[in-house]
């Protein structure tokens, strides 16, 4: 979806959102900057990240992302994120049989004290930033569970860290150590089956499915939804 104020993108897995030292180009922001330059030659890759990106999703997470095209849109959307009025629903496949049909995880999320590229949950709230995730079970597969997560806050790696915190890390999440068999049997056929699933979905199984917000100009409530990508569908 696109109008004069916002751009909604359904990001494929494997695409980095924002340029950084390890990924200076070939990112979503690079591509959007080029696209917007065709409409307005005054836009540069240097100015776009400063006013366009109000949130991001991980490289290996697929799904919906909103980019603001004007300073007014940035202010409006940033305010919504700050006030937690943005609606965001994610679909995740996690290890283990999640006991409760629904629940809420409240634990601060901050950088890991030892591994600086990772984040960790701090339930006592002395470190990191407040983070709240509501989850609901969609389908149970025995050793793994398909869940829906509703974000009340938007911390880096929030769903991945929170689910690991309650003992149900994301399926094939190499950063948080669960790209190996966590639940199940010791039989070689089961191991081969899971490894085949890792091949089908070679990334953590997380998809940003729903995005809802108030349009910065019309003030109408907009709601966007995207289908699960093929790799997660095949594994499910």
Protein backbone atom coordinates (compact mmCIF):
# COMPACT_ATOMS: atom_id res chain seq x y z
CA UNK A 1 0.00 0.00 0.00
CA UNK A 2 1.20 3.52 -0.73
CA UNK A 3 -0.15 7.04 -0.61
CA UNK A 4 1.50 10.45 -0.24
CA UNK A 5 2.21 9.91 3.47
CA UNK A 6 3.02 6.25 4.13
CA UNK A 7 4.41 3.15 2.47
CA UNK A 8 3.49 -0.35 3.71
CA UNK A 9 5.97 -3.08 2.80
CA UNK A 10 5.62 -6.85 3.15
CA UNK A 11 9.28 -7.65 3.86
CA UNK A 12 10.64 -11.04 2.79
CA UNK A 13 12.91 -12.93 5.21
CA UNK A 14 16.65 -12.39 4.80
CA UNK A 15 16.38 -8.70 3.92
CA UNK A 16 18.15 -6.27 6.27
CA UNK A 17 16.00 -3.21 7.04
CA UNK A 18 18.60 -0.59 7.93
CA UNK A 19 22.17 -0.03 6.67
CA UNK A 20 24.87 -0.83 9.24
CA UNK A 21 28.58 -1.62 9.28
CA UNK A 22 28.01 -5.21 8.18
CA UNK A 23 25.33 -4.29 5.62
CA UNK A 24 26.10 -0.86 4.12
CA UNK A 25 23.89 -1.42 1.06
CA UNK A 26 21.35 -3.81 -0.37
CA UNK A 27 19.00 -3.06 2.52
CA UNK A 28 15.30 -2.26 2.50
CA UNK A 29 16.07 1.40 3.30
CA UNK A 30 18.48 1.58 0.35
CA UNK A 31 15.77 0.21 -1.92
CA UNK A 32 13.06 2.52 -0.58
CA UNK A 33 15.37 5.54 -0.92
CA UNK A 34 15.99 4.69 -4.58
CA UNK A 35 12.25 4.15 -5.15
CA UNK A 36 11.32 7.49 -3.56
CA UNK A 37 14.09 9.28 -5.48
CA UNK A 38 12.24 8.40 -8.68
CA UNK A 39 9.29 10.39 -7.32
CA UNK A 40 11.26 13.18 -5.63
CA UNK A 41 14.91 13.84 -6.63
CA UNK A 42 15.58 15.71 -3.34
CA UNK A 43 15.32 12.47 -1.31
CA UNK A 44 18.68 10.86 -0.51
CA UNK A 45 19.67 7.69 1.33
CA UNK A 46 21.07 9.94 4.06
CA UNK A 47 17.81 11.81 4.64
CA UNK A 48 15.44 8.82 4.37
CA UNK A 49 16.55 6.88 7.46
CA UNK A 50 16.36 10.06 9.51
CA UNK A 51 12.70 10.69 8.83
CA UNK A 52 11.31 7.53 7.28
CA UNK A 53 11.92 4.59 9.56
CA UNK A 54 9.67 4.63 12.64
CA UNK A 55 10.14 0.94 13.45
CA UNK A 56 11.97 -2.07 12.06
CA UNK A 57 11.84 -5.85 12.06
CA UNK A 58 14.76 -8.27 12.17
CA UNK A 59 16.56 -9.41 9.04
CA UNK A 60 15.13 -12.93 9.29
CA UNK A 61 11.64 -11.87 10.35
CA UNK A 62 9.16 -11.51 7.50
CA UNK A 63 6.09 -9.31 7.30
CA UNK A 64 4.64 -5.83 7.50
CA UNK A 65 6.57 -2.62 8.00
CA UNK A 66 5.36 0.99 7.74
CA UNK A 67 7.62 3.72 6.38
CA UNK A 68 6.71 7.39 6.71
CA UNK A 69 7.21 9.54 3.62
CA UNK A 70 6.83 12.96 5.26
CA UNK A 71 8.02 14.57 8.49
CA UNK A 72 4.40 14.94 9.61
CA UNK A 73 3.84 11.22 9.09
CA UNK A 74 6.99 10.44 11.08
CA UNK A 75 5.79 12.53 14.02
CA UNK A 76 2.31 11.01 13.94
CA UNK A 77 3.46 7.40 13.71
CA UNK A 78 6.26 7.85 16.25
CA UNK A 79 3.66 9.21 18.68
CA UNK A 80 1.49 6.14 18.10
CA UNK A 81 4.40 3.80 18.75
CA UNK A 82 5.25 5.75 21.91
CA UNK A 83 1.65 5.58 23.14
CA UNK A 84 1.30 1.89 22.17
CA UNK A 85 -1.74 2.52 19.93
CA UNK A 86 -0.16 0.75 16.95
CA UNK A 87 -1.68 -2.72 16.53
CA UNK A 88 0.89 -5.39 15.70
CA UNK A 89 0.25 -9.13 15.58
CA UNK A 90 2.99 -11.68 14.86
CA UNK A 91 2.78 -15.39 14.10
CA UNK A 92 5.54 -17.56 15.56
CA UNK A 93 6.40 -21.24 15.74
CA UNK A 94 7.98 -22.01 19.11
CA UNK A 95 9.53 -25.07 20.72
CA UNK A 96 7.52 -27.04 23.23
CA UNK A 97 3.85 -27.46 24.05
CA UNK A 98 2.81 -24.08 25.47
CA UNK A 99 0.67 -25.01 28.46
CA UNK A 100 -1.63 -22.02 28.72
CA UNK A 101 -3.92 -21.14 25.81
CA UNK A 102 -3.03 -17.47 26.31
CA UNK A 103 -0.86 -15.36 28.54
CA UNK A 104 1.14 -12.18 29.02
CA UNK A 105 4.91 -11.94 29.41
CA UNK A 106 6.19 -8.91 31.32
CA UNK A 107 9.98 -8.65 31.56
CA UNK A 108 12.37 -5.83 30.71
CA UNK A 109 14.46 -6.40 27.59
CA UNK A 110 18.03 -5.14 27.42
CA UNK A 111 21.40 -6.01 25.94
CA UNK A 112 22.85 -9.27 27.17
CA UNK A 113 25.48 -8.59 29.83
CA UNK A 114 28.04 -10.89 28.18
CA UNK A 115 27.01 -11.32 24.55
CA UNK A 116 26.58 -7.78 23.25
CA UNK A 117 24.87 -8.74 20.00
CA UNK A 118 22.10 -10.48 21.91
CA UNK A 119 19.34 -9.26 24.20
CA UNK A 120 17.99 -10.84 27.36
CA UNK A 121 14.94 -10.68 29.62
CA UNK A 122 15.23 -9.08 33.04
CA UNK A 123 12.07 -9.88 35.03
CA UNK A 124 13.08 -7.76 38.02
CA UNK A 125 13.04 -4.65 35.86
CA UNK A 126 16.35 -3.24 37.02
CA UNK A 127 17.96 -3.31 33.59
CA UNK A 128 16.74 -2.73 30.05
CA UNK A 129 13.39 -1.31 28.99
CA UNK A 130 9.86 -2.35 29.87
CA UNK A 131 8.49 -4.96 27.48
CA UNK A 132 5.04 -6.58 27.33
CA UNK A 133 4.02 -9.41 25.00
CA UNK A 134 0.56 -11.03 24.89
CA UNK A 135 0.41 -14.48 23.31
CA UNK A 136 -2.33 -16.86 22.22
CA UNK A 137 -2.04 -20.48 21.06
CA UNK A 138 -3.29 -21.05 17.51
CA UNK A 139 -2.39 -24.72 17.00
CA UNK A 140 -0.49 -27.40 18.90
CA UNK A 141 1.84 -29.88 17.18
CA UNK A 142 3.13 -31.68 20.27
CA UNK A 143 6.79 -30.70 20.29
CA UNK A 144 6.16 -27.27 18.79
CA UNK A 145 3.32 -24.75 19.08
CA UNK A 146 2.02 -22.13 16.65
CA UNK A 147 1.22 -18.91 18.50
CA UNK A 148 0.05 -15.37 17.85
CA UNK A 149 1.88 -12.56 19.67
CA UNK A 150 0.49 -9.09 20.26
CA UNK A 151 3.10 -6.48 21.05
CA UNK A 152 2.29 -3.81 23.59
CA UNK A 153 5.86 -2.49 23.41
CA UNK A 154 8.39 -2.80 20.60
CA UNK A 155 11.81 -3.70 21.98
CA UNK A 156 14.59 -5.19 19.87
CA UNK A 157 14.17 -8.99 19.61
CA UNK A 158 11.24 -8.71 22.06
CA UNK A 159 9.23 -11.78 20.97
CA UNK A 160 12.36 -13.91 20.55
CA UNK A 161 13.69 -12.93 23.99
CA UNK A 162 10.35 -13.20 25.78
CA UNK A 163 9.52 -16.63 24.38
CA UNK A 164 12.99 -17.89 25.28
CA UNK A 165 12.45 -16.44 28.77
CA UNK A 166 9.37 -18.62 29.37
CA UNK A 167 11.07 -21.72 27.97
CA UNK A 168 9.59 -21.70 24.45
CA UNK A 169 12.27 -20.26 22.12
CA UNK A 170 11.47 -19.68 18.47
CA UNK A 171 11.90 -22.58 16.08
CA UNK A 172 15.29 -22.38 14.31
CA UNK A 173 16.43 -19.18 16.04
CA UNK A 174 20.21 -19.38 15.71
CA UNK A 175 20.86 -16.21 17.74
CA UNK A 176 19.08 -17.56 20.79
CA UNK A 177 20.43 -21.06 20.51
CA UNK A 178 17.39 -22.95 19.34
CA UNK A 179 18.43 -23.89 15.84
CA UNK A 180 18.77 -27.41 17.23
CA UNK A 181 16.29 -29.95 18.57
CA UNK A 182 14.89 -28.78 21.90
CA UNK A 183 11.85 -31.00 22.38
CA UNK A 184 11.03 -34.43 21.08
CA UNK A 185 12.47 -37.93 20.93
CA UNK A 186 15.96 -39.33 20.52
CA UNK A 187 15.04 -41.33 17.44
CA UNK A 188 17.12 -40.69 14.33
CA UNK A 189 13.99 -40.44 12.15
CA UNK A 190 12.70 -37.57 14.31
CA UNK A 191 16.08 -35.83 14.14
CA UNK A 192 16.11 -36.17 10.34
CA UNK A 193 12.55 -34.84 10.18
CA UNK A 194 13.42 -31.73 12.23
CA UNK A 195 16.59 -31.09 10.24
CA UNK A 196 14.50 -31.26 7.05
CA UNK A 197 12.22 -28.64 8.62
CA UNK A 198 15.26 -26.43 9.29
CA UNK A 199 16.09 -26.68 5.59
CA UNK A 200 12.52 -25.71 4.63
CA UNK A 201 12.60 -22.71 6.98
CA UNK A 202 16.26 -21.68 7.33
CA UNK A 203 15.53 -18.81 9.73
CA UNK A 204 13.61 -18.17 12.94
CA UNK A 205 9.92 -18.80 12.33
CA UNK A 206 8.45 -15.34 12.94
CA UNK A 207 6.14 -13.29 10.72
CA UNK A 208 4.72 -9.79 11.29
CA UNK A 209 1.20 -10.54 10.10
CA UNK A 210 -0.94 -7.55 11.08
CA UNK A 211 -0.35 -3.81 11.28
CA UNK A 212 -2.95 -1.22 12.30
CA UNK A 213 -2.57 2.51 12.88
CA UNK A 214 -4.28 5.88 12.51
CA UNK A 215 -3.44 7.55 9.20
CA UNK A 216 -1.36 10.70 9.84
CA UNK A 217 -3.42 12.86 7.46
CA UNK A 218 -6.97 11.47 7.23
CA UNK A 219 -6.98 10.21 10.86
CA UNK A 220 -8.79 7.10 9.65
CA UNK A 221 -7.86 3.80 11.22
CA UNK A 222 -6.02 1.59 8.70
CA UNK A 223 -5.53 -2.15 9.03
CA UNK A 224 -3.17 -4.32 6.97
CA UNK A 225 -2.69 -8.07 6.97
CA UNK A 226 -0.27 -10.37 5.15
CA UNK A 227 -0.29 -14.11 4.58
CA UNK A 228 2.30 -16.39 6.10
CA UNK A 229 5.29 -16.84 3.79
CA UNK A 230 5.90 -20.15 2.03
CA UNK A 231 8.77 -21.30 4.26
CA UNK A 232 6.67 -21.11 7.45
CA UNK A 233 3.63 -22.64 5.72
CA UNK A 234 5.68 -25.61 4.52
CA UNK A 235 7.13 -26.25 7.99
CA UNK A 236 3.70 -26.00 9.62
